[in-house]
Amino acid sequence: MLKQAARGVVSMVLCLEDSIDDAEVVDGEANLVRQFADLDARGVEVPLLFIRVRTPEQIPDLVRRLGPSGRLLSGFVLPKFTDERGVPFLEAIVTAEAAGGRRLFAMPVLESPELLHLETRTEALTGIARTVDKYRDRVLALRLGVTDFCSAYGLRRSPDMTAYDVRIVTSVIADVVNVLGRSDGTGFTITGPVWEYFRSQERMFKPQLRRSPFLEGRAEELRTTLIEHDLDGLLREIELDRANGLMGKTCIHPSHVLPVHALSVVSHEEFSDAQDILRPERGGGGVLRSAYTNKMNEVKPHRAWAERTLLRAEVFGVAKEDIGFVELLAAGLTD
């Protein structure tokens, strides 16, 4: 945890669910309690820490066992979340919060077969929307469990493909964003699916990184490194996540953190467009040419995008003019 915090990781999930064997839960809980006590004794800054539990009963029990070191806990990740299964988890957080005397947050994971299967999807999404809206002040984000979606059909995407190349997954993502990711004040932040590769495998298809953005300086070497670590697919998936209404990504390997952060930085062009669209004098709408003179900015239709872009800028920052993701990646690797 401390090592990843030093690398810029700002939140971490300590998993007691799918990442450990069923027979290891008791030992896993005990280990987690020990590590929290150790961190608390060190008095150091830590990332936002979340525990992914298996059952609602674990939540108040763990908060009790953590004792004073529970001050380091930000909340819980709730697996297999549906309307029916989700309420007991959220109520357990409310109970634990009252007992522990500090605020706790929730990140439900949308990964159940009810969401995937066409005949139950609408009802499942409607129920989830109703539930998370009731507990809106505690739900930080909704997470997509694409690995579980694929599992329901015995599928697994290769490092040559993104989640959006698996059509049955794409349809679920679209419907989740449709119902739960609206920009009218009813929506939530929905995070991108896990990228599960971090070492090169034998390739069937060409790399997905164009050569031209990497031609200057040591960037060609950077391109080779990214391809060798199967990160070209990750970069493409991050871009597709954002294009489809998702923000953020769960990283399962340290090598993923830098690309996710670099591609989350708001470009100077995006920032310029967002500021122009949101100028007070533009409140009545209209169309204007972008400052980069390469696109149309239509004030009313683009307002929600501009607001989200400025929020992203607050978190990830804004790149200087003429600085792109290649320079950000290269600088991060140099540091």
C-alpha atoms as a PDB file:
ATOM      1  CA  MET A   1       0.000   0.000   0.000  1.00  0.00           C
ATOM      2  CA  LEU A   2       2.750   2.440   0.897  1.00  0.00           C
ATOM      3  CA  LYS A   3       4.755   1.590  -2.211  1.00  0.00           C
ATOM      4  CA  GLN A   4       1.782   2.205  -4.495  1.00  0.00           C
ATOM      5  CA  ALA A   5       0.922   5.438  -2.692  1.00  0.00           C
ATOM      6  CA  ALA A   6       4.458   6.645  -3.447  1.00  0.00           C
ATOM      7  CA  ARG A   7       3.791   5.884  -7.130  1.00  0.00           C
ATOM      8  CA  GLY A   8       0.748   8.123  -7.208  1.00  0.00           C
ATOM      9  CA  VAL A   9      -2.041   5.652  -6.437  1.00  0.00           C
ATOM     10  CA  VAL A  10      -4.799   7.581  -4.664  1.00  0.00           C
ATOM     11  CA  SER A  11      -7.223   4.768  -3.862  1.00  0.00           C
ATOM     12  CA  MET A  12      -6.912   1.015  -3.307  1.00  0.00           C
ATOM     13  CA  VAL A  13      -9.258  -1.909  -2.842  1.00  0.00           C
ATOM     14  CA  LEU A  14      -8.287  -4.654  -0.387  1.00  0.00           C
ATOM     15  CA  CYS A  15     -10.197  -7.650  -1.644  1.00  0.00           C
ATOM     16  CA  LEU A  16     -11.705 -10.381   0.502  1.00  0.00           C
ATOM     17  CA  GLU A  17     -13.893 -11.664  -2.317  1.00  0.00           C
ATOM     18  CA  ASP A  18     -12.840 -13.131  -5.685  1.00  0.00           C
ATOM     19  CA  SER A  19      -9.120 -12.487  -5.222  1.00  0.00           C
ATOM     20  CA  ILE A  20      -8.776 -15.090  -2.454  1.00  0.00           C
ATOM     21  CA  ASP A  21      -9.835 -18.701  -2.089  1.00  0.00           C
ATOM     22  CA  ASP A  22     -13.026 -19.458  -0.162  1.00  0.00           C
ATOM     23  CA  ALA A  23     -10.923 -21.224   2.473  1.00  0.00           C
ATOM     24  CA  GLU A  24      -8.748 -18.141   3.021  1.00  0.00           C
ATOM     25  CA  VAL A  25     -11.379 -15.660   4.161  1.00  0.00           C
ATOM     26  CA  VAL A  26     -10.719 -15.977   7.901  1.00  0.00           C
ATOM     27  CA  ASP A  27      -6.973 -15.589   7.451  1.00  0.00           C
ATOM     28  CA  GLY A  28      -7.541 -12.771   4.983  1.00  0.00           C
ATOM     29  CA  GLU A  29      -9.648 -10.825   7.441  1.00  0.00           C
ATOM     30  CA  ALA A  30      -7.071 -11.290  10.202  1.00  0.00           C
ATOM     31  CA  ASN A  31      -4.281 -10.160   7.901  1.00  0.00           C
ATOM     32  CA  LEU A  32      -6.255  -7.095   6.869  1.00  0.00           C
ATOM     33  CA  VAL A  33      -6.858  -6.100  10.496  1.00  0.00           C
ATOM     34  CA  ARG A  34      -3.119  -6.484  11.229  1.00  0.00           C
ATOM     35  CA  GLN A  35      -2.104  -4.353   8.274  1.00  0.00           C
ATOM     36  CA  PHE A  36      -4.487  -1.560   9.232  1.00  0.00           C
ATOM     37  CA  ALA A  37      -3.078  -1.563  12.768  1.00  0.00           C
ATOM     38  CA  ASP A  38       0.460  -1.419  11.360  1.00  0.00           C
ATOM     39  CA  LEU A  39      -0.393   1.482   9.061  1.00  0.00           C
ATOM     40  CA  ASP A  40      -2.117   3.343  11.870  1.00  0.00           C
ATOM     41  CA  ALA A  41       0.921   2.916  14.136  1.00  0.00           C
ATOM     42  CA  ARG A  42       3.211   4.344  11.439  1.00  0.00           C
ATOM     43  CA  GLY A  43       1.180   7.541  11.226  1.00  0.00           C
ATOM     44  CA  VAL A  44       1.747   7.878   7.483  1.00  0.00           C
ATOM     45  CA  GLU A  45      -0.449   9.148   4.678  1.00  0.00           C
ATOM     46  CA  VAL A  46      -2.251   6.358   2.856  1.00  0.00           C
ATOM     47  CA  PRO A  47      -4.496   6.222  -0.222  1.00  0.00           C
ATOM     48  CA  LEU A  48      -8.247   6.010   0.145  1.00  0.00           C
ATOM     49  CA  LEU A  49      -8.707   2.419   1.306  1.00  0.00           C
ATOM     50  CA  PHE A  50     -11.753   0.299   0.502  1.00  0.00           C
ATOM     51  CA  ILE A  51     -12.484  -3.285   1.507  1.00  0.00           C
ATOM     52  CA  ARG A  52     -14.261  -5.579  -0.933  1.00  0.00           C
ATOM     53  CA  VAL A  53     -16.394  -7.891   1.167  1.00  0.00           C
ATOM     54  CA  ARG A  54     -18.395 -11.019   0.437  1.00  0.00           C
ATOM     55  CA  THR A  55     -21.373 -10.598   2.764  1.00  0.00           C
ATOM     56  CA  PRO A  56     -23.124  -7.688   4.500  1.00  0.00           C
ATOM     57  CA  GLU A  57     -22.291  -9.195   7.884  1.00  0.00           C
ATOM     58  CA  GLN A  58     -18.586  -8.658   7.277  1.00  0.00           C
ATOM     59  CA  ILE A  59     -18.989  -4.883   7.192  1.00  0.00           C
ATOM     60  CA  PRO A  60     -19.902  -4.092  10.833  1.00  0.00           C
ATOM     61  CA  ASP A  61     -17.712  -6.966  12.026  1.00  0.00           C
ATOM     62  CA  LEU A  62     -14.627  -5.608  10.272  1.00  0.00           C
ATOM     63  CA  VAL A  63     -15.279  -2.052  11.421  1.00  0.00           C
ATOM     64  CA  ARG A  64     -15.497  -3.335  14.991  1.00  0.00           C
ATOM     65  CA  ARG A  65     -12.301  -5.378  14.663  1.00  0.00           C
ATOM     66  CA  LEU A  66     -10.378  -2.526  13.065  1.00  0.00           C
ATOM     67  CA  GLY A  67     -11.000  -0.357  16.109  1.00  0.00           C
ATOM     68  CA  PRO A  68      -9.078   2.951  16.064  1.00  0.00           C
ATOM     69  CA  SER A  69      -7.264   2.026  12.855  1.00  0.00           C
ATOM     70  CA  GLY A  70     -10.665   2.148  11.135  1.00  0.00           C
ATOM     71  CA  ARG A  71     -10.010   5.864  10.677  1.00  0.00           C
ATOM     72  CA  LEU A  72      -7.947   4.825   7.631  1.00  0.00           C
ATOM     73  CA  LEU A  73     -10.934   3.110   6.022  1.00  0.00           C
ATOM     74  CA  SER A  74     -12.878   5.044   3.398  1.00  0.00           C
ATOM     75  CA  GLY A  75     -15.550   2.462   2.649  1.00  0.00           C
ATOM     76  CA  PHE A  76     -16.524  -0.822   1.060  1.00  0.00           C
ATOM     77  CA  VAL A  77     -16.796  -2.320  -2.407  1.00  0.00           C
ATOM     78  CA  LEU A  78     -20.027  -4.296  -2.777  1.00  0.00           C
ATOM     79  CA  PRO A  79     -19.908  -7.303  -5.147  1.00  0.00           C
ATOM     80  CA  LYS A  80     -22.631  -8.781  -7.343  1.00  0.00           C
ATOM     81  CA  PHE A  81     -24.799  -5.739  -6.665  1.00  0.00           C
ATOM     82  CA  THR A  82     -28.517  -5.884  -7.464  1.00  0.00           C
ATOM     83  CA  ASP A  83     -31.583  -4.257  -5.952  1.00  0.00           C
ATOM     84  CA  GLU A  84     -32.277  -7.292  -3.766  1.00  0.00           C
ATOM     85  CA  ARG A  85     -28.694  -8.059  -2.726  1.00  0.00           C
ATOM     86  CA  GLY A  86     -27.572  -4.468  -2.525  1.00  0.00           C
ATOM     87  CA  VAL A  87     -29.866  -3.130   0.188  1.00  0.00           C
ATOM     88  CA  PRO A  88     -28.458  -5.362   2.990  1.00  0.00           C
ATOM     89  CA  PHE A  89     -24.924  -4.248   2.069  1.00  0.00           C
ATOM     90  CA  LEU A  90     -25.856  -0.567   2.123  1.00  0.00           C
ATOM     91  CA  GLU A  91     -27.776  -0.909   5.370  1.00  0.00           C
ATOM     92  CA  ALA A  92     -24.756  -2.656   6.883  1.00  0.00           C
ATOM     93  CA  ILE A  93     -22.629   0.364   5.928  1.00  0.00           C
ATOM     94  CA  VAL A  94     -25.136   2.679   7.618  1.00  0.00           C
ATOM     95  CA  THR A  95     -25.003   0.531  10.769  1.00  0.00           C
ATOM     96  CA  ALA A  96     -21.195   0.353  10.754  1.00  0.00           C
ATOM     97  CA  GLU A  97     -20.960   4.075  10.174  1.00  0.00           C
ATOM     98  CA  ALA A  98     -23.104   4.803  13.216  1.00  0.00           C
ATOM     99  CA  ALA A  99     -21.124   2.381  15.379  1.00  0.00           C
ATOM    100  CA  GLY A 100     -17.739   3.631  14.206  1.00  0.00           C
ATOM    101  CA  GLY A 101     -18.619   7.305  14.311  1.00  0.00           C
ATOM    102  CA  ARG A 102     -17.165   8.168  10.903  1.00  0.00           C
ATOM    103  CA  ARG A 103     -18.378   8.439   7.324  1.00  0.00           C
ATOM    104  CA  LEU A 104     -18.132   5.360   5.099  1.00  0.00           C
ATOM    105  CA  PHE A 105     -18.736   5.169   1.373  1.00  0.00           C
ATOM    106  CA  ALA A 106     -19.860   2.447  -1.027  1.00  0.00           C
ATOM    107  CA  MET A 107     -18.797   1.366  -4.497  1.00  0.00           C
ATOM    108  CA  PRO A 108     -21.256  -1.219  -5.836  1.00  0.00           C
ATOM    109  CA  VAL A 109     -19.974  -3.593  -8.526  1.00  0.00           C
ATOM    110  CA  LEU A 110     -22.392  -4.307 -11.359  1.00  0.00           C
ATOM    111  CA  GLU A 111     -21.498  -7.841 -12.450  1.00  0.00           C
ATOM    112  CA  SER A 112     -24.490 -10.112 -11.869  1.00  0.00           C
ATOM    113  CA  PRO A 113     -26.040 -12.347 -14.558  1.00  0.00           C
ATOM    114  CA  GLU A 114     -29.334 -10.464 -14.173  1.00  0.00           C
ATOM    115  CA  LEU A 115     -27.652  -7.463 -15.797  1.00  0.00           C
ATOM    116  CA  LEU A 116     -26.207  -9.518 -18.613  1.00  0.00           C
ATOM    117  CA  HIS A 117     -29.247 -11.566 -19.552  1.00  0.00           C
ATOM    118  CA  LEU A 118     -31.501  -9.668 -21.904  1.00  0.00           C
ATOM    119  CA  GLU A 119     -34.780 -10.828 -20.358  1.00  0.00           C
ATOM    120  CA  THR A 120     -33.891  -9.502 -16.880  1.00  0.00           C
ATOM    121  CA  ARG A 121     -31.671  -6.530 -17.696  1.00  0.00           C
ATOM    122  CA  THR A 122     -34.263  -3.750 -17.699  1.00  0.00           C
ATOM    123  CA  GLU A 123     -35.788  -4.835 -14.409  1.00  0.00           C
ATOM    124  CA  ALA A 124     -32.345  -5.261 -12.834  1.00  0.00           C
ATOM    125  CA  LEU A 125     -31.172  -1.820 -13.947  1.00  0.00           C
ATOM    126  CA  THR A 126     -34.370  -0.179 -12.759  1.00  0.00           C
ATOM    127  CA  GLY A 127     -34.013  -1.801  -9.352  1.00  0.00           C
ATOM    128  CA  ILE A 128     -30.353  -0.829  -9.036  1.00  0.00           C
ATOM    129  CA  ALA A 129     -31.158   2.760 -10.016  1.00  0.00           C
ATOM    130  CA  ARG A 130     -33.857   2.914  -7.360  1.00  0.00           C
ATOM    131  CA  THR A 131     -31.549   1.521  -4.680  1.00  0.00           C
ATOM    132  CA  VAL A 132     -28.445   3.618  -5.342  1.00  0.00           C
ATOM    133  CA  ASP A 133     -30.549   6.768  -5.627  1.00  0.00           C
ATOM    134  CA  LYS A 134     -31.893   6.141  -2.113  1.00  0.00           C
ATOM    135  CA  TYR A 135     -28.301   5.927  -0.796  1.00  0.00           C
ATOM    136  CA  ARG A 136     -26.870   8.525  -3.198  1.00  0.00           C
ATOM    137  CA  ASP A 137     -24.880  10.376  -0.516  1.00  0.00           C
ATOM    138  CA  ARG A 138     -22.860   7.203   0.160  1.00  0.00           C
ATOM    139  CA  VAL A 139     -22.319   5.871  -3.373  1.00  0.00           C
ATOM    140  CA  LEU A 140     -19.066   7.239  -4.814  1.00  0.00           C
ATOM    141  CA  ALA A 141     -19.105   5.293  -8.061  1.00  0.00           C
ATOM    142  CA  LEU A 142     -20.559   2.259  -9.783  1.00  0.00           C
ATOM    143  CA  ARG A 143     -18.049  -0.276 -11.052  1.00  0.00           C
ATOM    144  CA  LEU A 144     -18.454  -2.660 -13.992  1.00  0.00           C
ATOM    145  CA  GLY A 145     -17.426  -6.285 -13.512  1.00  0.00           C
ATOM    146  CA  VAL A 146     -16.782  -7.209 -17.136  1.00  0.00           C
ATOM    147  CA  THR A 147     -14.796 -10.324 -16.212  1.00  0.00           C
ATOM    148  CA  ASP A 148     -17.934 -11.730 -14.567  1.00  0.00           C
ATOM    149  CA  PHE A 149     -20.012 -10.740 -17.579  1.00  0.00           C
ATOM    150  CA  CYS A 150     -17.687 -12.712 -19.844  1.00  0.00           C
ATOM    151  CA  SER A 151     -17.683 -15.632 -17.417  1.00  0.00           C
ATOM    152  CA  ALA A 152     -21.430 -16.091 -17.841  1.00  0.00           C
ATOM    153  CA  TYR A 153     -20.782 -17.098 -21.454  1.00  0.00           C
ATOM    154  CA  GLY A 154     -17.392 -18.745 -21.058  1.00  0.00           C
ATOM    155  CA  LEU A 155     -15.645 -15.825 -22.764  1.00  0.00           C
ATOM    156  CA  ARG A 156     -12.346 -14.062 -22.159  1.00  0.00           C
ATOM    157  CA  ARG A 157     -11.033 -11.217 -24.261  1.00  0.00           C
ATOM    158  CA  SER A 158      -7.429 -11.428 -25.474  1.00  0.00           C
ATOM    159  CA  PRO A 159      -4.876  -8.601 -25.049  1.00  0.00           C
ATOM    160  CA  ASP A 160      -5.441  -7.796 -28.733  1.00  0.00           C
ATOM    161  CA  MET A 161      -9.046  -6.817 -27.980  1.00  0.00           C
ATOM    162  CA  THR A 162     -10.829  -4.350 -25.774  1.00  0.00           C
ATOM    163  CA  ALA A 163     -14.041  -4.934 -23.850  1.00  0.00           C
ATOM    164  CA  TYR A 164     -15.827  -3.104 -26.656  1.00  0.00           C
ATOM    165  CA  ASP A 165     -14.864  -5.815 -29.142  1.00  0.00           C
ATOM    166  CA  VAL A 166     -16.976  -8.291 -27.152  1.00  0.00           C
ATOM    167  CA  ARG A 167     -20.410  -7.335 -28.403  1.00  0.00           C
ATOM    168  CA  ILE A 168     -22.407  -8.847 -25.581  1.00  0.00           C
ATOM    169  CA  VAL A 169     -20.336  -6.813 -23.098  1.00  0.00           C
ATOM    170  CA  THR A 170     -20.696  -3.640 -25.150  1.00  0.00           C
ATOM    171  CA  SER A 171     -24.470  -3.926 -25.029  1.00  0.00           C
ATOM    172  CA  VAL A 172     -24.448  -4.161 -21.221  1.00  0.00           C
ATOM    173  CA  ILE A 173     -22.116  -1.168 -20.856  1.00  0.00           C
ATOM    174  CA  ALA A 174     -24.367   0.871 -23.124  1.00  0.00           C
ATOM    175  CA  ASP A 175     -27.485   0.023 -21.125  1.00  0.00           C
ATOM    176  CA  VAL A 176     -25.788   0.669 -17.769  1.00  0.00           C
ATOM    177  CA  VAL A 177     -24.668   4.127 -18.930  1.00  0.00           C
ATOM    178  CA  ASN A 178     -28.110   4.746 -20.436  1.00  0.00           C
ATOM    179  CA  VAL A 179     -29.869   4.191 -17.122  1.00  0.00           C
ATOM    180  CA  LEU A 180     -27.224   5.056 -14.512  1.00  0.00           C
ATOM    181  CA  GLY A 181     -24.832   7.487 -16.185  1.00  0.00           C
ATOM    182  CA  ARG A 182     -27.075  10.337 -17.276  1.00  0.00           C
ATOM    183  CA  SER A 183     -25.862  13.923 -16.983  1.00  0.00           C
ATOM    184  CA  ASP A 184     -29.195  15.304 -15.780  1.00  0.00           C
ATOM    185  CA  GLY A 185     -28.332  15.000 -12.086  1.00  0.00           C
ATOM    186  CA  THR A 186     -29.670  11.469 -11.693  1.00  0.00           C
ATOM    187  CA  GLY A 187     -26.513   9.718 -12.901  1.00  0.00           C
ATOM    188  CA  PHE A 188     -23.441   8.332 -11.175  1.00  0.00           C
ATOM    189  CA  THR A 189     -19.786   7.998 -12.063  1.00  0.00           C
ATOM    190  CA  ILE A 190     -19.365   4.607 -13.755  1.00  0.00           C
ATOM    191  CA  THR A 191     -15.842   3.234 -13.920  1.00  0.00           C
ATOM    192  CA  GLY A 192     -14.220   1.315 -16.745  1.00  0.00           C
ATOM    193  CA  PRO A 193     -13.661  -2.455 -16.731  1.00  0.00           C
ATOM    194  CA  VAL A 194     -10.469  -4.057 -15.441  1.00  0.00           C
ATOM    195  CA  TRP A 195      -7.644  -4.624 -17.920  1.00  0.00           C
ATOM    196  CA  GLU A 196      -6.290  -8.003 -16.896  1.00  0.00           C
ATOM    197  CA  TYR A 197      -3.038  -8.252 -18.878  1.00  0.00           C
ATOM    198  CA  PHE A 198       0.404  -6.965 -17.927  1.00  0.00           C
ATOM    199  CA  ARG A 199       2.935  -9.081 -19.811  1.00  0.00           C
ATOM    200  CA  SER A 200       3.325  -9.664 -23.507  1.00  0.00           C
ATOM    201  CA  GLN A 201       1.695 -12.717 -25.073  1.00  0.00           C
ATOM    202  CA  GLU A 202       2.007 -13.996 -28.599  1.00  0.00           C
ATOM    203  CA  ARG A 203       0.106 -11.581 -30.815  1.00  0.00           C
ATOM    204  CA  MET A 204      -2.394 -12.390 -33.517  1.00  0.00           C
ATOM    205  CA  PHE A 205      -3.104  -8.773 -34.530  1.00  0.00           C
ATOM    206  CA  LYS A 206      -1.018  -5.673 -35.101  1.00  0.00           C
ATOM    207  CA  PRO A 207      -0.319  -3.357 -32.142  1.00  0.00           C
ATOM    208  CA  GLN A 208      -2.998  -0.738 -31.594  1.00  0.00           C
ATOM    209  CA  LEU A 209      -0.578   2.170 -31.058  1.00  0.00           C
ATOM    210  CA  ARG A 210       0.140   4.265 -34.134  1.00  0.00           C
ATOM    211  CA  ARG A 211       3.830   4.957 -34.685  1.00  0.00           C
ATOM    212  CA  SER A 212       3.563   8.651 -35.630  1.00  0.00           C
ATOM    213  CA  PRO A 213       2.858  10.133 -32.148  1.00  0.00           C
ATOM    214  CA  PHE A 214       5.985   8.403 -30.797  1.00  0.00           C
ATOM    215  CA  LEU A 215       8.548   9.489 -33.398  1.00  0.00           C
ATOM    216  CA  GLU A 216      10.249  12.242 -31.394  1.00  0.00           C
ATOM    217  CA  GLY A 217      13.036  11.689 -28.858  1.00  0.00           C
ATOM    218  CA  ARG A 218      12.899   8.483 -26.800  1.00  0.00           C
ATOM    219  CA  ALA A 219       9.199   8.013 -27.491  1.00  0.00           C
ATOM    220  CA  GLU A 220       9.754   5.209 -30.006  1.00  0.00           C
ATOM    221  CA  GLU A 221      11.370   3.243 -27.202  1.00  0.00           C
ATOM    222  CA  LEU A 222       8.349   4.062 -25.047  1.00  0.00           C
ATOM    223  CA  ARG A 223       6.010   2.731 -27.732  1.00  0.00           C
ATOM    224  CA  THR A 224       7.954  -0.539 -27.830  1.00  0.00           C
ATOM    225  CA  THR A 225       7.767  -0.839 -24.033  1.00  0.00           C
ATOM    226  CA  LEU A 226       4.012  -0.266 -24.002  1.00  0.00           C
ATOM    227  CA  ILE A 227       3.450  -2.876 -26.688  1.00  0.00           C
ATOM    228  CA  GLU A 228       5.701  -5.419 -24.989  1.00  0.00           C
ATOM    229  CA  HIS A 229       3.656  -5.073 -21.790  1.00  0.00           C
ATOM    230  CA  ASP A 230       0.300  -5.303 -23.610  1.00  0.00           C
ATOM    231  CA  LEU A 231      -0.481  -1.729 -22.614  1.00  0.00           C
ATOM    232  CA  ASP A 232      -1.418  -0.593 -26.113  1.00  0.00           C
ATOM    233  CA  GLY A 233      -4.720  -2.419 -25.655  1.00  0.00           C
ATOM    234  CA  LEU A 234      -5.192  -0.747 -22.273  1.00  0.00           C
ATOM    235  CA  LEU A 235      -4.627   2.708 -23.793  1.00  0.00           C
ATOM    236  CA  ARG A 236      -7.210   2.063 -26.484  1.00  0.00           C
ATOM    237  CA  GLU A 237      -9.707   0.746 -23.949  1.00  0.00           C
ATOM    238  CA  ILE A 238      -9.289   3.840 -21.760  1.00  0.00           C
ATOM    239  CA  GLU A 239     -10.120   6.054 -24.735  1.00  0.00           C
ATOM    240  CA  LEU A 240     -13.146   3.912 -25.561  1.00  0.00           C
ATOM    241  CA  ASP A 241     -14.234   4.005 -21.907  1.00  0.00           C
ATOM    242  CA  ARG A 242     -14.402   7.781 -21.974  1.00  0.00           C
ATOM    243  CA  ALA A 243     -16.107   7.869 -25.365  1.00  0.00           C
ATOM    244  CA  ASN A 244     -18.794   5.577 -23.921  1.00  0.00           C
ATOM    245  CA  GLY A 245     -19.405   7.542 -20.722  1.00  0.00           C
ATOM    246  CA  LEU A 246     -17.076   5.766 -18.274  1.00  0.00           C
ATOM    247  CA  MET A 247     -14.450   7.380 -16.073  1.00  0.00           C
ATOM    248  CA  GLY A 248     -11.562   5.808 -14.150  1.00  0.00           C
ATOM    249  CA  LYS A 249     -10.348   2.231 -14.126  1.00  0.00           C
ATOM    250  CA  THR A 250      -9.491  -0.448 -11.601  1.00  0.00           C
ATOM    251  CA  CYS A 251      -5.789  -1.244 -12.011  1.00  0.00           C
ATOM    252  CA  ILE A 252      -4.690  -4.770 -11.147  1.00  0.00           C
ATOM    253  CA  HIS A 253      -0.984  -4.155 -11.783  1.00  0.00           C
ATOM    254  CA  PRO A 254       1.341  -1.220 -10.963  1.00  0.00           C
ATOM    255  CA  SER A 255       2.248  -0.817 -14.641  1.00  0.00           C
ATOM    256  CA  HIS A 256      -1.343   0.242 -15.366  1.00  0.00           C
ATOM    257  CA  VAL A 257      -1.397   3.241 -13.047  1.00  0.00           C
ATOM    258  CA  LEU A 258       0.700   5.622 -15.144  1.00  0.00           C
ATOM    259  CA  PRO A 259      -1.210   5.045 -18.430  1.00  0.00           C
ATOM    260  CA  VAL A 260      -4.574   5.437 -16.683  1.00  0.00           C
ATOM    261  CA  HIS A 261      -3.493   8.684 -15.027  1.00  0.00           C
ATOM    262  CA  ALA A 262      -1.801  10.035 -18.168  1.00  0.00           C
ATOM    263  CA  LEU A 263      -4.861   9.487 -20.335  1.00  0.00           C
ATOM    264  CA  SER A 264      -7.118  10.979 -17.678  1.00  0.00           C
ATOM    265  CA  VAL A 265      -5.312  14.334 -17.798  1.00  0.00           C
ATOM    266  CA  VAL A 266      -7.387  16.961 -19.589  1.00  0.00           C
ATOM    267  CA  SER A 267      -5.660  18.203 -22.723  1.00  0.00           C
ATOM    268  CA  HIS A 268      -5.137  21.921 -23.233  1.00  0.00           C
ATOM    269  CA  GLU A 269      -7.529  21.766 -26.185  1.00  0.00           C
ATOM    270  CA  GLU A 270     -10.282  20.076 -24.156  1.00  0.00           C
ATOM    271  CA  PHE A 271      -9.835  22.593 -21.342  1.00  0.00           C
ATOM    272  CA  SER A 272      -9.967  25.515 -23.761  1.00  0.00           C
ATOM    273  CA  ASP A 273     -13.172  24.220 -25.355  1.00  0.00           C
ATOM    274  CA  ALA A 274     -14.821  23.557 -21.981  1.00  0.00           C
ATOM    275  CA  GLN A 275     -13.998  27.024 -20.690  1.00  0.00           C
ATOM    276  CA  ASP A 276     -15.352  28.664 -23.839  1.00  0.00           C
ATOM    277  CA  ILE A 277     -18.591  26.684 -23.675  1.00  0.00           C
ATOM    278  CA  LEU A 278     -19.189  27.565 -20.019  1.00  0.00           C
ATOM    279  CA  ARG A 279     -18.478  31.289 -20.205  1.00  0.00           C
ATOM    280  CA  PRO A 280     -21.331  33.195 -18.482  1.00  0.00           C
ATOM    281  CA  GLU A 281     -22.051  35.215 -21.622  1.00  0.00           C
ATOM    282  CA  ARG A 282     -22.763  31.928 -23.430  1.00  0.00           C
ATOM    283  CA  GLY A 283     -25.687  31.107 -21.156  1.00  0.00           C
ATOM    284  CA  GLY A 284     -28.164  31.659 -23.956  1.00  0.00           C
ATOM    285  CA  GLY A 285     -26.585  29.051 -26.188  1.00  0.00           C
ATOM    286  CA  GLY A 286     -25.258  29.430 -29.695  1.00  0.00           C
ATOM    287  CA  VAL A 287     -22.441  27.985 -31.755  1.00  0.00           C
ATOM    288  CA  LEU A 288     -18.820  29.126 -31.819  1.00  0.00           C
ATOM    289  CA  ARG A 289     -15.614  28.090 -33.486  1.00  0.00           C
ATOM    290  CA  SER A 290     -13.150  26.487 -31.120  1.00  0.00           C
ATOM    291  CA  ALA A 291     -10.017  28.392 -30.127  1.00  0.00           C
ATOM    292  CA  TYR A 292      -8.070  25.654 -31.928  1.00  0.00           C
ATOM    293  CA  THR A 293     -10.127  26.460 -35.072  1.00  0.00           C
ATOM    294  CA  ASN A 294     -10.759  22.776 -35.759  1.00  0.00           C
ATOM    295  CA  LYS A 295     -14.263  22.117 -34.514  1.00  0.00           C
ATOM    296  CA  MET A 296     -17.706  23.498 -33.694  1.00  0.00           C
ATOM    297  CA  ASN A 297     -18.563  24.080 -30.045  1.00  0.00           C
ATOM    298  CA  GLU A 298     -22.333  24.119 -29.629  1.00  0.00           C
ATOM    299  CA  VAL A 299     -23.002  25.617 -26.211  1.00  0.00           C
ATOM    300  CA  LYS A 300     -26.177  23.865 -25.077  1.00  0.00           C
ATOM    301  CA  PRO A 301     -25.498  20.306 -26.347  1.00  0.00           C
ATOM    302  CA  HIS A 302     -21.854  20.420 -25.212  1.00  0.00           C
ATOM    303  CA  ARG A 303     -22.489  21.960 -21.774  1.00  0.00           C
ATOM    304  CA  ALA A 304     -22.718  18.656 -19.874  1.00  0.00           C
ATOM    305  CA  TRP A 305     -19.484  17.474 -21.521  1.00  0.00           C
ATOM    306  CA  ALA A 306     -17.771  20.735 -20.579  1.00  0.00           C
ATOM    307  CA  GLU A 307     -18.879  20.471 -16.948  1.00  0.00           C
ATOM    308  CA  ARG A 308     -17.569  16.909 -16.701  1.00  0.00           C
ATOM    309  CA  THR A 309     -14.311  17.946 -18.361  1.00  0.00           C
ATOM    310  CA  LEU A 310     -13.673  20.691 -15.790  1.00  0.00           C
ATOM    311  CA  LEU A 311     -14.407  18.240 -12.970  1.00  0.00           C
ATOM    312  CA  ARG A 312     -11.863  15.845 -14.479  1.00  0.00           C
ATOM    313  CA  ALA A 313      -9.403  18.724 -14.720  1.00  0.00           C
ATOM    314  CA  GLU A 314      -9.755  19.368 -10.985  1.00  0.00           C
ATOM    315  CA  VAL A 315      -8.732  15.782 -10.242  1.00  0.00           C
ATOM    316  CA  PHE A 316      -6.166  14.943 -12.936  1.00  0.00           C
ATOM    317  CA  GLY A 317      -4.952  18.371 -14.007  1.00  0.00           C
ATOM    318  CA  VAL A 318      -4.572  20.040 -17.386  1.00  0.00           C
ATOM    319  CA  ALA A 319      -1.694  19.467 -19.778  1.00  0.00           C
ATOM    320  CA  LYS A 320       0.229  22.425 -21.110  1.00  0.00           C
ATOM    321  CA  GLU A 321      -0.292  23.467 -24.701  1.00  0.00           C
ATOM    322  CA  ASP A 322       1.398  21.081 -27.167  1.00  0.00           C
ATOM    323  CA  ILE A 323       1.798  18.406 -24.451  1.00  0.00           C
ATOM    324  CA  GLY A 324       0.037  15.143 -25.273  1.00  0.00           C
ATOM    325  CA  PHE A 325      -0.276  11.730 -23.667  1.00  0.00           C
ATOM    326  CA  VAL A 326       3.035  10.575 -25.150  1.00  0.00           C
ATOM    327  CA  GLU A 327       4.946  13.314 -23.320  1.00  0.00           C
ATOM    328  CA  LEU A 328       3.020  12.610 -20.118  1.00  0.00           C
ATOM    329  CA  LEU A 329       3.793   8.892 -20.319  1.00  0.00           C
ATOM    330  CA  ALA A 330       7.446   9.516 -21.092  1.00  0.00           C
ATOM    331  CA  ALA A 331       7.787  12.010 -18.238  1.00  0.00           C
ATOM    332  CA  GLY A 332       6.154   9.593 -15.823  1.00  0.00           C
ATOM    333  CA  LEU A 333       8.501   6.777 -16.795  1.00  0.00           C
ATOM    334  CA  THR A 334      11.484   9.098 -16.421  1.00  0.00           C
ATOM    335  CA  ASP A 335      10.362  10.135 -12.921  1.00  0.00           C
END
